[in-house]
Structures are given as C-alpha cells and as structure tokens.
Amino acid sequence: MLVVTRKTEESIIIADNIEIVVLEVNKDRVKLGIIAPKDIKIIRNELRDAQNANVDSSQAVSKAAIDALLKFGSAKK
C-alpha cells in the first residue's frame, strides 16, 4: 500500500489518466474528486462488498431449492 500525504487541492496521478484530488478535509472526513476516463468504473468499496455479498448469497441457493420453488409456483396455477 502506498501512503501519501496531501493537502487540500493537491492530487495524485494513477496510470497517467486518473487523477485523485483532495477537495476538502474535515474533522473525520476527506472529500476526494476523481478525474478519470468514462470507461473506468469507479465504485465505493462498501458498495462493491455489498454487490459481492449479493452474488454470493444468490449462488448459495441450491438448484433443488429453486426447482422446488418453481414446482410450488406452477402447482398453484
């Protein structure tokens, strides 16, 4: 992990085309601005973790359980 100290309005460059700018520093928060090409996906870590948890939980349902649920639903028709 690279640790860098920056002041407000200072930035770092990643791979020549991504710039991270420190916009504001408060008591317990840092506001960052990210300048990157439109094709670069930027997502907060907690959202990525939630997406991964959703994928993991959806894959945890067995095929037998899905088949039973579908059979139950078609029996009601």
C-alpha atoms as a PDB file:
ATOM      1  CA  MET A   1       0.000   0.000   0.000  1.00  0.00           C
ATOM      2  CA  LEU A   2       1.287   3.417  -0.927  1.00  0.00           C
ATOM      3  CA  VAL A   3       0.621   6.046   1.748  1.00  0.00           C
ATOM      4  CA  VAL A   4       0.669   9.649   0.562  1.00  0.00           C
ATOM      5  CA  THR A   5       0.118  12.873   2.486  1.00  0.00           C
ATOM      6  CA  ARG A   6      -1.713  15.583   0.534  1.00  0.00           C
ATOM      7  CA  LYS A   7      -3.223  18.949   1.367  1.00  0.00           C
ATOM      8  CA  THR A   8      -6.437  20.427   0.017  1.00  0.00           C
ATOM      9  CA  GLU A   9      -6.254  20.972  -3.758  1.00  0.00           C
ATOM     10  CA  GLU A  10      -3.244  18.658  -4.079  1.00  0.00           C
ATOM     11  CA  SER A  11      -3.593  15.478  -6.106  1.00  0.00           C
ATOM     12  CA  ILE A  12      -2.037  12.211  -7.163  1.00  0.00           C
ATOM     13  CA  ILE A  13      -1.961  10.676 -10.642  1.00  0.00           C
ATOM     14  CA  ILE A  14      -2.565   6.980 -11.330  1.00  0.00           C
ATOM     15  CA  ALA A  15      -1.572   5.413 -14.663  1.00  0.00           C
ATOM     16  CA  ASP A  16      -1.302   8.771 -16.471  1.00  0.00           C
ATOM     17  CA  ASN A  17      -5.078   9.102 -16.859  1.00  0.00           C
ATOM     18  CA  ILE A  18      -6.624   9.053 -13.365  1.00  0.00           C
ATOM     19  CA  GLU A  19      -6.268  12.000 -11.013  1.00  0.00           C
ATOM     20  CA  ILE A  20      -7.364  11.939  -7.374  1.00  0.00           C
ATOM     21  CA  VAL A  21      -7.766  15.449  -5.920  1.00  0.00           C
ATOM     22  CA  VAL A  22      -8.210  16.286  -2.231  1.00  0.00           C
ATOM     23  CA  LEU A  23     -11.126  18.718  -2.259  1.00  0.00           C
ATOM     24  CA  GLU A  24     -11.792  19.138   1.435  1.00  0.00           C
ATOM     25  CA  VAL A  25     -10.532  17.853   4.773  1.00  0.00           C
ATOM     26  CA  ASN A  26     -12.795  17.973   7.823  1.00  0.00           C
ATOM     27  CA  LYS A  27     -12.565  16.528  11.304  1.00  0.00           C
ATOM     28  CA  ASP A  28     -13.185  12.878  10.339  1.00  0.00           C
ATOM     29  CA  ARG A  29     -13.773  13.036   6.573  1.00  0.00           C
ATOM     30  CA  VAL A  30     -11.824  13.661   3.421  1.00  0.00           C
ATOM     31  CA  LYS A  31     -13.660  14.697   0.250  1.00  0.00           C
ATOM     32  CA  LEU A  32     -11.942  13.429  -2.892  1.00  0.00           C
ATOM     33  CA  GLY A  33     -12.517  14.282  -6.518  1.00  0.00           C
ATOM     34  CA  ILE A  34     -11.708  11.687  -9.161  1.00  0.00           C
ATOM     35  CA  ILE A  35     -10.946  12.637 -12.739  1.00  0.00           C
ATOM     36  CA  ALA A  36     -10.889   9.554 -14.967  1.00  0.00           C
ATOM     37  CA  PRO A  37     -11.948   8.403 -18.432  1.00  0.00           C
ATOM     38  CA  LYS A  38     -15.619   7.462 -18.764  1.00  0.00           C
ATOM     39  CA  ASP A  39     -14.733   3.810 -19.403  1.00  0.00           C
ATOM     40  CA  ILE A  40     -13.078   3.458 -15.979  1.00  0.00           C
ATOM     41  CA  LYS A  41     -15.509   2.012 -13.439  1.00  0.00           C
ATOM     42  CA  ILE A  42     -15.317   3.778 -10.074  1.00  0.00           C
ATOM     43  CA  ILE A  43     -17.244   2.337  -7.132  1.00  0.00           C
ATOM     44  CA  ARG A  44     -17.044   2.793  -3.375  1.00  0.00           C
ATOM     45  CA  ASN A  45     -15.608  -0.218  -1.577  1.00  0.00           C
ATOM     46  CA  GLU A  46     -18.673  -0.762   0.627  1.00  0.00           C
ATOM     47  CA  LEU A  47     -20.901  -0.943  -2.464  1.00  0.00           C
ATOM     48  CA  ARG A  48     -18.562  -3.474  -4.077  1.00  0.00           C
ATOM     49  CA  ASP A  49     -18.652  -5.557  -0.895  1.00  0.00           C
ATOM     50  CA  ALA A  50     -22.469  -5.446  -0.888  1.00  0.00           C
ATOM     51  CA  GLN A  51     -22.573  -6.478  -4.561  1.00  0.00           C
ATOM     52  CA  ASN A  52     -20.229  -9.390  -3.844  1.00  0.00           C
ATOM     53  CA  ALA A  53     -22.339 -10.451  -0.847  1.00  0.00           C
ATOM     54  CA  ASN A  54     -25.466 -10.406  -3.038  1.00  0.00           C
ATOM     55  CA  VAL A  55     -23.767 -12.538  -5.669  1.00  0.00           C
ATOM     56  CA  ASP A  56     -22.518 -14.981  -3.035  1.00  0.00           C
ATOM     57  CA  SER A  57     -25.946 -15.310  -1.411  1.00  0.00           C
ATOM     58  CA  SER A  58     -27.707 -15.784  -4.745  1.00  0.00           C
ATOM     59  CA  GLN A  59     -25.267 -18.533  -5.658  1.00  0.00           C
ATOM     60  CA  ALA A  60     -25.824 -20.214  -2.275  1.00  0.00           C
ATOM     61  CA  VAL A  61     -29.375 -21.230  -3.221  1.00  0.00           C
ATOM     62  CA  SER A  62     -29.311 -24.810  -4.452  1.00  0.00           C
ATOM     63  CA  LYS A  63     -30.770 -25.910  -7.768  1.00  0.00           C
ATOM     64  CA  ALA A  64     -33.043 -28.317  -5.869  1.00  0.00           C
ATOM     65  CA  ALA A  65     -34.468 -25.408  -3.845  1.00  0.00           C
ATOM     66  CA  ILE A  66     -35.109 -23.380  -6.999  1.00  0.00           C
ATOM     67  CA  ASP A  67     -36.759 -26.369  -8.701  1.00  0.00           C
ATOM     68  CA  ALA A  68     -38.966 -26.956  -5.656  1.00  0.00           C
ATOM     69  CA  LEU A  69     -39.980 -23.296  -5.627  1.00  0.00           C
ATOM     70  CA  LEU A  70     -40.803 -23.375  -9.343  1.00  0.00           C
ATOM     71  CA  LYS A  71     -42.790 -26.577  -8.912  1.00  0.00           C
ATOM     72  CA  PHE A  72     -44.696 -24.988  -5.991  1.00  0.00           C
ATOM     73  CA  GLY A  73     -45.476 -21.900  -8.088  1.00  0.00           C
ATOM     74  CA  SER A  74     -46.740 -23.926 -11.072  1.00  0.00           C
ATOM     75  CA  ALA A  75     -48.909 -26.103  -8.820  1.00  0.00           C
ATOM     76  CA  LYS A  76     -50.882 -23.012  -7.714  1.00  0.00           C
ATOM     77  CA  LYS A  77     -51.888 -22.106 -11.290  1.00  0.00           C
END
